[in-house]
N, C-alpha and C. Protein backbone atom coordinates (compact mmCIF):
# COMPACT_ATOMS: atom_id res chain seq x y z
N MET A 1 0.84 -1.19 0.00
CA MET A 1 0.00 0.00 0.00
C MET A 1 0.88 1.25 0.00
N LYS A 2 0.53 2.23 -0.81
CA LYS A 2 1.32 3.47 -0.86
C LYS A 2 0.99 4.36 0.33
N GLU A 3 1.98 5.15 0.73
CA GLU A 3 1.79 6.07 1.84
C GLU A 3 0.82 7.19 1.44
N LEU A 4 0.03 7.63 2.40
CA LEU A 4 -0.86 8.76 2.16
C LEU A 4 -0.05 10.05 2.02
N VAL A 5 -0.50 10.91 1.14
CA VAL A 5 0.03 12.27 1.06
C VAL A 5 -1.11 13.18 1.54
N LEU A 6 -0.82 14.46 1.66
CA LEU A 6 -1.80 15.37 2.23
C LEU A 6 -3.11 15.38 1.43
N ALA A 7 -3.04 15.33 0.12
CA ALA A 7 -4.27 15.31 -0.69
C ALA A 7 -5.10 14.07 -0.38
N ASP A 8 -4.44 12.92 -0.20
CA ASP A 8 -5.15 11.69 0.18
C ASP A 8 -5.81 11.85 1.54
N HIS A 9 -5.07 12.44 2.47
CA HIS A 9 -5.58 12.65 3.83
C HIS A 9 -6.84 13.50 3.80
N LEU A 10 -6.80 14.60 3.04
CA LEU A 10 -7.95 15.50 2.98
C LEU A 10 -9.17 14.80 2.40
N CYS A 11 -8.94 13.96 1.40
CA CYS A 11 -10.03 13.19 0.80
C CYS A 11 -10.57 12.16 1.80
N LEU A 12 -9.67 11.47 2.49
CA LEU A 12 -10.06 10.50 3.51
C LEU A 12 -10.91 11.16 4.60
N VAL A 13 -10.45 12.30 5.08
CA VAL A 13 -11.17 13.01 6.15
C VAL A 13 -12.54 13.45 5.67
N GLU A 14 -12.62 13.98 4.45
CA GLU A 14 -13.91 14.42 3.92
C GLU A 14 -14.88 13.24 3.80
N ASN A 15 -14.39 12.10 3.32
CA ASN A 15 -15.26 10.92 3.19
C ASN A 15 -15.63 10.34 4.55
N LEU A 16 -14.73 10.39 5.50
CA LEU A 16 -15.04 9.94 6.86
C LEU A 16 -16.09 10.84 7.48
N LYS A 17 -15.93 12.14 7.28
CA LYS A 17 -16.91 13.11 7.80
C LYS A 17 -18.29 12.86 7.19
N LYS A 18 -18.35 12.64 5.88
CA LYS A 18 -19.63 12.36 5.22
C LYS A 18 -20.28 11.10 5.79
N SER A 19 -19.49 10.08 6.00
CA SER A 19 -20.00 8.83 6.57
C SER A 19 -20.55 9.05 7.97
N LEU A 20 -19.80 9.78 8.80
CA LEU A 20 -20.23 10.04 10.17
C LEU A 20 -21.46 10.96 10.21
N ALA A 21 -21.58 11.87 9.24
CA ALA A 21 -22.70 12.80 9.20
C ALA A 21 -24.03 12.09 8.95
N GLN A 22 -23.98 10.89 8.41
CA GLN A 22 -25.20 10.12 8.21
C GLN A 22 -25.84 9.74 9.54
N GLN A 23 -25.04 9.77 10.61
CA GLN A 23 -25.53 9.41 11.95
C GLN A 23 -25.85 10.64 12.79
N GLY A 24 -25.58 11.83 12.27
CA GLY A 24 -25.82 13.06 13.04
C GLY A 24 -24.75 14.09 12.75
N LYS A 25 -24.46 14.90 13.75
CA LYS A 25 -23.49 15.99 13.61
C LYS A 25 -22.10 15.42 13.31
N ALA A 26 -21.38 16.09 12.41
CA ALA A 26 -19.98 15.77 12.10
C ALA A 26 -19.31 17.07 11.68
N GLU A 27 -18.65 17.71 12.63
CA GLU A 27 -18.00 19.00 12.39
C GLU A 27 -16.50 18.79 12.25
N LEU A 28 -15.89 19.40 11.25
CA LEU A 28 -14.46 19.28 11.01
C LEU A 28 -13.73 20.50 11.54
N ILE A 29 -12.68 20.25 12.32
CA ILE A 29 -11.80 21.29 12.82
C ILE A 29 -10.40 20.95 12.32
N GLU A 30 -9.75 21.89 11.65
CA GLU A 30 -8.41 21.67 11.11
C GLU A 30 -7.38 22.42 11.94
N THR A 31 -6.25 21.76 12.20
CA THR A 31 -5.09 22.42 12.78
C THR A 31 -3.94 22.22 11.79
N HIS A 32 -2.78 22.75 12.10
CA HIS A 32 -1.65 22.58 11.19
C HIS A 32 -1.17 21.13 11.13
N ILE A 33 -1.48 20.31 12.14
CA ILE A 33 -1.00 18.93 12.14
C ILE A 33 -2.10 17.89 12.23
N SER A 34 -3.34 18.29 12.44
CA SER A 34 -4.42 17.32 12.64
C SER A 34 -5.70 17.75 11.95
N SER A 35 -6.52 16.74 11.68
CA SER A 35 -7.91 16.94 11.26
C SER A 35 -8.76 16.30 12.34
N VAL A 36 -9.69 17.06 12.88
CA VAL A 36 -10.50 16.59 14.01
C VAL A 36 -11.96 16.62 13.59
N ILE A 37 -12.61 15.47 13.72
CA ILE A 37 -14.04 15.39 13.41
C ILE A 37 -14.79 15.21 14.72
N VAL A 38 -15.68 16.16 15.01
CA VAL A 38 -16.44 16.15 16.25
C VAL A 38 -17.86 15.70 15.94
N THR A 39 -18.28 14.63 16.62
CA THR A 39 -19.66 14.16 16.50
C THR A 39 -20.31 14.29 17.86
N ASP A 40 -21.59 13.95 17.95
CA ASP A 40 -22.26 14.02 19.25
C ASP A 40 -21.68 13.00 20.23
N SER A 41 -21.23 11.86 19.74
CA SER A 41 -20.76 10.79 20.60
C SER A 41 -19.25 10.76 20.80
N TRP A 42 -18.49 11.08 19.75
CA TRP A 42 -17.04 10.93 19.79
C TRP A 42 -16.35 12.08 19.07
N VAL A 43 -15.07 12.21 19.37
CA VAL A 43 -14.17 13.09 18.63
C VAL A 43 -13.10 12.20 18.03
N TYR A 44 -12.87 12.35 16.73
CA TYR A 44 -11.87 11.55 16.03
C TYR A 44 -10.78 12.49 15.52
N LYS A 45 -9.55 12.21 15.91
CA LYS A 45 -8.42 13.08 15.55
C LYS A 45 -7.42 12.30 14.71
N LEU A 46 -7.23 12.75 13.48
CA LEU A 46 -6.28 12.13 12.56
C LEU A 46 -5.08 13.05 12.39
N LYS A 47 -3.91 12.47 12.41
CA LYS A 47 -2.68 13.23 12.19
C LYS A 47 -2.46 13.38 10.69
N LYS A 48 -2.12 14.59 10.27
CA LYS A 48 -1.87 14.83 8.84
C LYS A 48 -0.52 14.21 8.45
N PRO A 49 -0.42 13.65 7.25
CA PRO A 49 0.83 13.04 6.81
C PRO A 49 1.85 14.10 6.37
N VAL A 50 2.41 14.78 7.37
CA VAL A 50 3.34 15.88 7.10
C VAL A 50 4.64 15.65 7.86
N ASN A 51 5.70 16.25 7.36
CA ASN A 51 6.98 16.29 8.06
C ASN A 51 7.36 17.75 8.16
N LEU A 52 7.26 18.31 9.36
CA LEU A 52 7.55 19.73 9.57
C LEU A 52 8.92 19.93 10.20
N GLY A 53 9.74 18.88 10.22
CA GLY A 53 11.06 18.99 10.82
C GLY A 53 11.02 18.70 12.30
N PHE A 54 10.26 19.49 13.04
CA PHE A 54 10.15 19.28 14.48
C PHE A 54 9.17 18.16 14.82
N LEU A 55 8.39 17.70 13.82
CA LEU A 55 7.56 16.51 13.97
C LEU A 55 7.42 15.87 12.61
N ASP A 56 7.29 14.54 12.63
CA ASP A 56 7.24 13.80 11.38
C ASP A 56 6.13 12.76 11.46
N PHE A 57 5.03 13.04 10.78
CA PHE A 57 3.89 12.12 10.70
C PHE A 57 3.77 11.58 9.26
N SER A 58 4.87 11.51 8.54
CA SER A 58 4.83 11.24 7.11
C SER A 58 4.53 9.78 6.75
N SER A 59 4.63 8.85 7.70
CA SER A 59 4.34 7.45 7.38
C SER A 59 3.23 6.91 8.27
N LEU A 60 2.60 5.85 7.81
CA LEU A 60 1.55 5.20 8.58
C LEU A 60 2.07 4.77 9.95
N ASP A 61 3.25 4.16 9.97
CA ASP A 61 3.83 3.70 11.24
C ASP A 61 4.07 4.87 12.20
N LYS A 62 4.54 5.99 11.68
CA LYS A 62 4.79 7.16 12.54
C LYS A 62 3.48 7.73 13.07
N ARG A 63 2.46 7.81 12.22
CA ARG A 63 1.17 8.33 12.70
C ARG A 63 0.59 7.40 13.77
N HIS A 64 0.72 6.10 13.57
CA HIS A 64 0.24 5.14 14.58
C HIS A 64 0.99 5.34 15.89
N PHE A 65 2.31 5.42 15.82
CA PHE A 65 3.13 5.62 17.01
C PHE A 65 2.73 6.89 17.75
N TYR A 66 2.58 8.00 17.02
CA TYR A 66 2.27 9.27 17.68
C TYR A 66 0.82 9.35 18.17
N CYS A 67 -0.07 8.60 17.56
CA CYS A 67 -1.42 8.48 18.12
C CYS A 67 -1.33 7.77 19.48
N ASP A 68 -0.57 6.67 19.53
CA ASP A 68 -0.38 5.96 20.80
C ASP A 68 0.26 6.86 21.85
N GLU A 69 1.24 7.64 21.42
CA GLU A 69 1.91 8.55 22.35
C GLU A 69 0.95 9.63 22.86
N GLU A 70 0.10 10.13 21.98
CA GLU A 70 -0.87 11.14 22.40
C GLU A 70 -1.78 10.59 23.49
N ILE A 71 -2.24 9.36 23.30
CA ILE A 71 -3.08 8.73 24.32
C ILE A 71 -2.29 8.56 25.62
N ARG A 72 -1.09 8.00 25.52
CA ARG A 72 -0.28 7.75 26.72
C ARG A 72 -0.01 9.04 27.50
N LEU A 73 0.37 10.08 26.80
CA LEU A 73 0.74 11.33 27.47
C LEU A 73 -0.48 12.10 27.98
N ASN A 74 -1.52 12.21 27.17
CA ASN A 74 -2.65 13.06 27.54
C ASN A 74 -3.61 12.41 28.52
N LYS A 75 -3.60 11.08 28.60
CA LYS A 75 -4.45 10.41 29.60
C LYS A 75 -4.03 10.78 31.01
N ARG A 76 -2.79 11.19 31.19
CA ARG A 76 -2.31 11.54 32.53
C ARG A 76 -3.07 12.74 33.10
N LEU A 77 -3.42 13.69 32.27
CA LEU A 77 -4.15 14.88 32.73
C LEU A 77 -5.63 14.84 32.39
N SER A 78 -5.99 14.03 31.42
CA SER A 78 -7.40 13.96 30.99
C SER A 78 -7.81 12.51 30.76
N PRO A 79 -7.82 11.71 31.83
CA PRO A 79 -8.07 10.27 31.65
C PRO A 79 -9.45 9.95 31.08
N GLY A 80 -10.45 10.75 31.33
CA GLY A 80 -11.78 10.48 30.81
C GLY A 80 -12.01 11.00 29.41
N LEU A 81 -11.08 11.79 28.91
CA LEU A 81 -11.23 12.43 27.61
C LEU A 81 -10.56 11.62 26.49
N TYR A 82 -9.32 11.22 26.71
CA TYR A 82 -8.56 10.47 25.71
C TYR A 82 -8.82 8.99 25.91
N LEU A 83 -9.37 8.32 24.90
CA LEU A 83 -9.82 6.94 25.06
C LEU A 83 -8.88 5.91 24.46
N ASP A 84 -8.71 5.95 23.13
CA ASP A 84 -7.93 4.89 22.49
C ASP A 84 -7.52 5.31 21.09
N VAL A 85 -6.75 4.42 20.47
CA VAL A 85 -6.34 4.58 19.08
C VAL A 85 -7.06 3.50 18.28
N LEU A 86 -7.68 3.91 17.16
CA LEU A 86 -8.41 2.97 16.33
C LEU A 86 -7.88 3.02 14.90
N PRO A 87 -7.85 1.86 14.23
CA PRO A 87 -7.45 1.86 12.82
C PRO A 87 -8.60 2.33 11.93
N ILE A 88 -8.24 2.87 10.79
CA ILE A 88 -9.20 3.16 9.73
C ILE A 88 -8.88 2.16 8.62
N SER A 89 -9.86 1.39 8.24
CA SER A 89 -9.66 0.41 7.16
C SER A 89 -10.55 0.80 5.99
N GLY A 90 -10.66 -0.08 5.03
CA GLY A 90 -11.43 0.22 3.83
C GLY A 90 -10.56 0.95 2.84
N SER A 91 -11.09 2.04 2.30
CA SER A 91 -10.34 2.83 1.32
C SER A 91 -10.52 4.31 1.63
N ILE A 92 -9.76 5.13 0.92
CA ILE A 92 -9.90 6.58 1.09
C ILE A 92 -11.32 7.00 0.75
N GLN A 93 -11.91 6.37 -0.27
CA GLN A 93 -13.27 6.72 -0.70
C GLN A 93 -14.33 6.19 0.27
N TYR A 94 -14.07 5.02 0.86
CA TYR A 94 -15.04 4.37 1.77
C TYR A 94 -14.34 3.92 3.05
N PRO A 95 -13.95 4.88 3.88
CA PRO A 95 -13.23 4.53 5.11
C PRO A 95 -14.16 3.93 6.16
N GLU A 96 -13.58 3.08 7.00
CA GLU A 96 -14.35 2.46 8.08
C GLU A 96 -13.50 2.48 9.34
N ILE A 97 -14.02 3.10 10.38
CA ILE A 97 -13.31 3.15 11.66
C ILE A 97 -13.40 1.80 12.35
N ASN A 98 -12.24 1.26 12.70
CA ASN A 98 -12.14 -0.01 13.43
C ASN A 98 -12.80 -1.17 12.66
N GLY A 99 -12.74 -1.09 11.35
CA GLY A 99 -13.33 -2.15 10.52
C GLY A 99 -12.34 -3.25 10.24
N PRO A 100 -12.78 -4.25 9.49
CA PRO A 100 -11.88 -5.35 9.15
C PRO A 100 -10.88 -4.92 8.08
N GLY A 101 -9.82 -5.67 7.97
CA GLY A 101 -8.84 -5.42 6.93
C GLY A 101 -7.67 -4.58 7.41
N GLN A 102 -6.78 -4.32 6.48
CA GLN A 102 -5.55 -3.60 6.75
C GLN A 102 -5.84 -2.12 7.04
N ALA A 103 -5.12 -1.57 8.00
CA ALA A 103 -5.27 -0.15 8.34
C ALA A 103 -4.68 0.72 7.23
N ILE A 104 -5.45 1.73 6.83
CA ILE A 104 -4.93 2.72 5.90
C ILE A 104 -4.49 3.98 6.65
N ASP A 105 -4.96 4.11 7.90
CA ASP A 105 -4.54 5.19 8.78
C ASP A 105 -5.02 4.87 10.19
N TYR A 106 -4.70 5.74 11.12
CA TYR A 106 -5.09 5.58 12.51
C TYR A 106 -5.64 6.90 13.02
N LEU A 107 -6.44 6.83 14.07
CA LEU A 107 -6.97 8.03 14.69
C LEU A 107 -7.02 7.87 16.20
N VAL A 108 -7.05 8.99 16.87
CA VAL A 108 -7.26 9.04 18.32
C VAL A 108 -8.74 9.28 18.54
N ARG A 109 -9.34 8.44 19.39
CA ARG A 109 -10.76 8.63 19.73
C ARG A 109 -10.85 9.25 21.11
N MET A 110 -11.64 10.31 21.19
CA MET A 110 -11.81 11.04 22.45
C MET A 110 -13.29 11.25 22.71
N ARG A 111 -13.59 11.62 23.93
CA ARG A 111 -14.96 12.03 24.27
C ARG A 111 -15.11 13.51 23.92
N PRO A 112 -16.27 13.89 23.41
CA PRO A 112 -16.46 15.32 23.13
C PRO A 112 -16.62 16.10 24.44
N PHE A 113 -16.29 17.37 24.37
CA PHE A 113 -16.49 18.26 25.52
C PHE A 113 -16.96 19.60 25.01
N ALA A 114 -17.61 20.33 25.85
CA ALA A 114 -18.16 21.63 25.46
C ALA A 114 -17.01 22.61 25.19
N GLN A 115 -16.89 23.04 23.94
CA GLN A 115 -15.81 23.95 23.55
C GLN A 115 -15.85 25.26 24.34
N GLN A 116 -17.03 25.65 24.76
CA GLN A 116 -17.13 26.90 25.53
C GLN A 116 -16.49 26.78 26.90
N ASN A 117 -16.11 25.55 27.32
CA ASN A 117 -15.46 25.36 28.61
C ASN A 117 -13.95 25.35 28.54
N GLN A 118 -13.39 25.61 27.35
CA GLN A 118 -11.94 25.73 27.24
C GLN A 118 -11.50 26.94 28.05
N LEU A 119 -10.32 26.81 28.68
CA LEU A 119 -9.84 27.89 29.55
C LEU A 119 -9.73 29.22 28.82
N ASP A 120 -9.25 29.21 27.58
CA ASP A 120 -9.11 30.48 26.87
C ASP A 120 -10.45 31.16 26.66
N ARG A 121 -11.48 30.36 26.43
CA ARG A 121 -12.82 30.93 26.22
C ARG A 121 -13.43 31.41 27.53
N LEU A 122 -13.21 30.66 28.61
CA LEU A 122 -13.67 31.12 29.93
C LEU A 122 -13.00 32.43 30.30
N LEU A 123 -11.71 32.53 29.99
CA LEU A 123 -10.96 33.75 30.29
C LEU A 123 -11.50 34.93 29.48
N GLN A 124 -11.78 34.72 28.20
CA GLN A 124 -12.33 35.79 27.36
C GLN A 124 -13.66 36.30 27.89
N ARG A 125 -14.44 35.39 28.49
CA ARG A 125 -15.75 35.78 29.02
C ARG A 125 -15.66 36.25 30.47
N HIS A 126 -14.44 36.34 30.99
CA HIS A 126 -14.22 36.77 32.38
C HIS A 126 -14.92 35.85 33.38
N GLU A 127 -14.87 34.53 33.09
CA GLU A 127 -15.54 33.55 33.94
C GLU A 127 -14.55 32.73 34.76
N LEU A 128 -13.29 33.14 34.80
CA LEU A 128 -12.30 32.47 35.64
C LEU A 128 -11.98 33.41 36.79
N ASP A 129 -12.08 32.87 38.00
CA ASP A 129 -11.74 33.72 39.15
C ASP A 129 -10.36 33.31 39.68
N PRO A 130 -9.76 34.15 40.50
CA PRO A 130 -8.40 33.87 41.02
C PRO A 130 -8.30 32.52 41.75
N ARG A 131 -9.34 32.11 42.43
CA ARG A 131 -9.31 30.82 43.14
C ARG A 131 -9.18 29.67 42.15
N GLN A 132 -9.95 29.71 41.07
CA GLN A 132 -9.87 28.66 40.05
C GLN A 132 -8.50 28.63 39.40
N MET A 133 -7.95 29.80 39.09
CA MET A 133 -6.62 29.86 38.48
C MET A 133 -5.56 29.31 39.42
N SER A 134 -5.67 29.61 40.71
CA SER A 134 -4.71 29.08 41.69
C SER A 134 -4.82 27.56 41.78
N GLU A 135 -6.03 27.03 41.80
CA GLU A 135 -6.22 25.57 41.83
C GLU A 135 -5.63 24.92 40.59
N PHE A 136 -5.87 25.53 39.44
CA PHE A 136 -5.34 25.00 38.20
C PHE A 136 -3.82 25.04 38.20
N ALA A 137 -3.24 26.14 38.63
CA ALA A 137 -1.78 26.27 38.69
C ALA A 137 -1.19 25.24 39.65
N ARG A 138 -1.83 25.01 40.77
CA ARG A 138 -1.36 24.03 41.74
C ARG A 138 -1.40 22.63 41.14
N TYR A 139 -2.48 22.32 40.45
CA TYR A 139 -2.64 21.01 39.81
C TYR A 139 -1.52 20.77 38.79
N ILE A 140 -1.25 21.76 37.95
CA ILE A 140 -0.21 21.63 36.94
C ILE A 140 1.17 21.54 37.59
N ALA A 141 1.41 22.33 38.61
CA ALA A 141 2.71 22.28 39.30
C ALA A 141 2.93 20.91 39.94
N GLU A 142 1.91 20.35 40.58
CA GLU A 142 2.04 19.01 41.18
C GLU A 142 2.27 17.96 40.10
N PHE A 143 1.62 18.11 38.97
CA PHE A 143 1.84 17.18 37.85
C PHE A 143 3.30 17.22 37.42
N HIS A 144 3.85 18.42 37.25
CA HIS A 144 5.23 18.54 36.80
C HIS A 144 6.21 18.05 37.86
N LEU A 145 5.91 18.26 39.13
CA LEU A 145 6.79 17.76 40.19
C LEU A 145 6.83 16.24 40.23
N SER A 146 5.73 15.60 39.87
CA SER A 146 5.69 14.14 39.92
C SER A 146 6.06 13.48 38.59
N ALA A 147 6.29 14.27 37.55
CA ALA A 147 6.62 13.71 36.23
C ALA A 147 8.01 13.09 36.24
N ALA A 148 8.17 12.04 35.45
CA ALA A 148 9.47 11.40 35.32
C ALA A 148 10.46 12.38 34.70
N MET A 149 11.71 12.31 35.16
CA MET A 149 12.75 13.19 34.63
C MET A 149 13.83 12.35 33.98
N ALA A 150 14.41 12.90 32.95
CA ALA A 150 15.54 12.24 32.29
C ALA A 150 16.75 12.32 33.22
N PRO A 151 17.59 11.31 33.23
CA PRO A 151 18.80 11.37 34.06
C PRO A 151 19.73 12.48 33.60
N ASP A 152 20.56 12.95 34.51
CA ASP A 152 21.48 14.05 34.20
C ASP A 152 22.38 13.75 33.01
N ASN A 153 22.73 12.47 32.81
CA ASN A 153 23.67 12.13 31.74
C ASN A 153 22.97 11.81 30.42
N SER A 154 21.66 12.07 30.31
CA SER A 154 20.95 11.79 29.06
C SER A 154 21.19 12.91 28.06
N HIS A 155 20.84 12.65 26.80
CA HIS A 155 21.01 13.67 25.76
C HIS A 155 19.85 14.67 25.74
N PHE A 156 18.77 14.39 26.47
CA PHE A 156 17.62 15.31 26.48
C PHE A 156 18.03 16.63 27.12
N GLY A 157 17.66 17.71 26.47
CA GLY A 157 17.99 19.04 26.99
C GLY A 157 19.30 19.57 26.49
N THR A 158 20.07 18.75 25.79
CA THR A 158 21.34 19.25 25.24
C THR A 158 21.06 20.13 24.03
N ALA A 159 22.02 20.93 23.66
CA ALA A 159 21.87 21.81 22.50
C ALA A 159 21.58 20.99 21.23
N ASP A 160 22.27 19.85 21.07
CA ASP A 160 22.05 19.02 19.89
C ASP A 160 20.63 18.47 19.85
N ALA A 161 20.12 18.02 21.00
CA ALA A 161 18.78 17.46 21.04
C ALA A 161 17.72 18.52 20.78
N ILE A 162 17.97 19.72 21.28
CA ILE A 162 17.01 20.81 21.10
C ILE A 162 17.06 21.29 19.66
């Protein structure tokens, strides 16, 4: 099977969105590295087949790996939001999430959440008070204090690695 290019990805996403829209809402949100389809029941996030230097999603194996990494890393702060990684089978024209056959791509499945509850939007509406911000800051600080650290002799943090 040939690797997807961005044009293939866009076609796949559009056909996946059309298929999901038959069951209800299917809204597409694009970022520079992902295509996100929001339905009433689930959020499906596909990584674009791009290599931007600082990240490389150019192959099926890399997109699968980074979908798994997204779940592993983000479940730590949002365990009820990030669920699993599912294959997309079928074809670009007729994609099927978690269907039979060989995977043509992978996606991260998440639970939907009210976009109006994002911190940036709460802040714009002046709905965050100092107590909430302090609690949030404390939560993030405790998370970082308990996070695993690379040993002093590792290459992480070196000028070459950065």
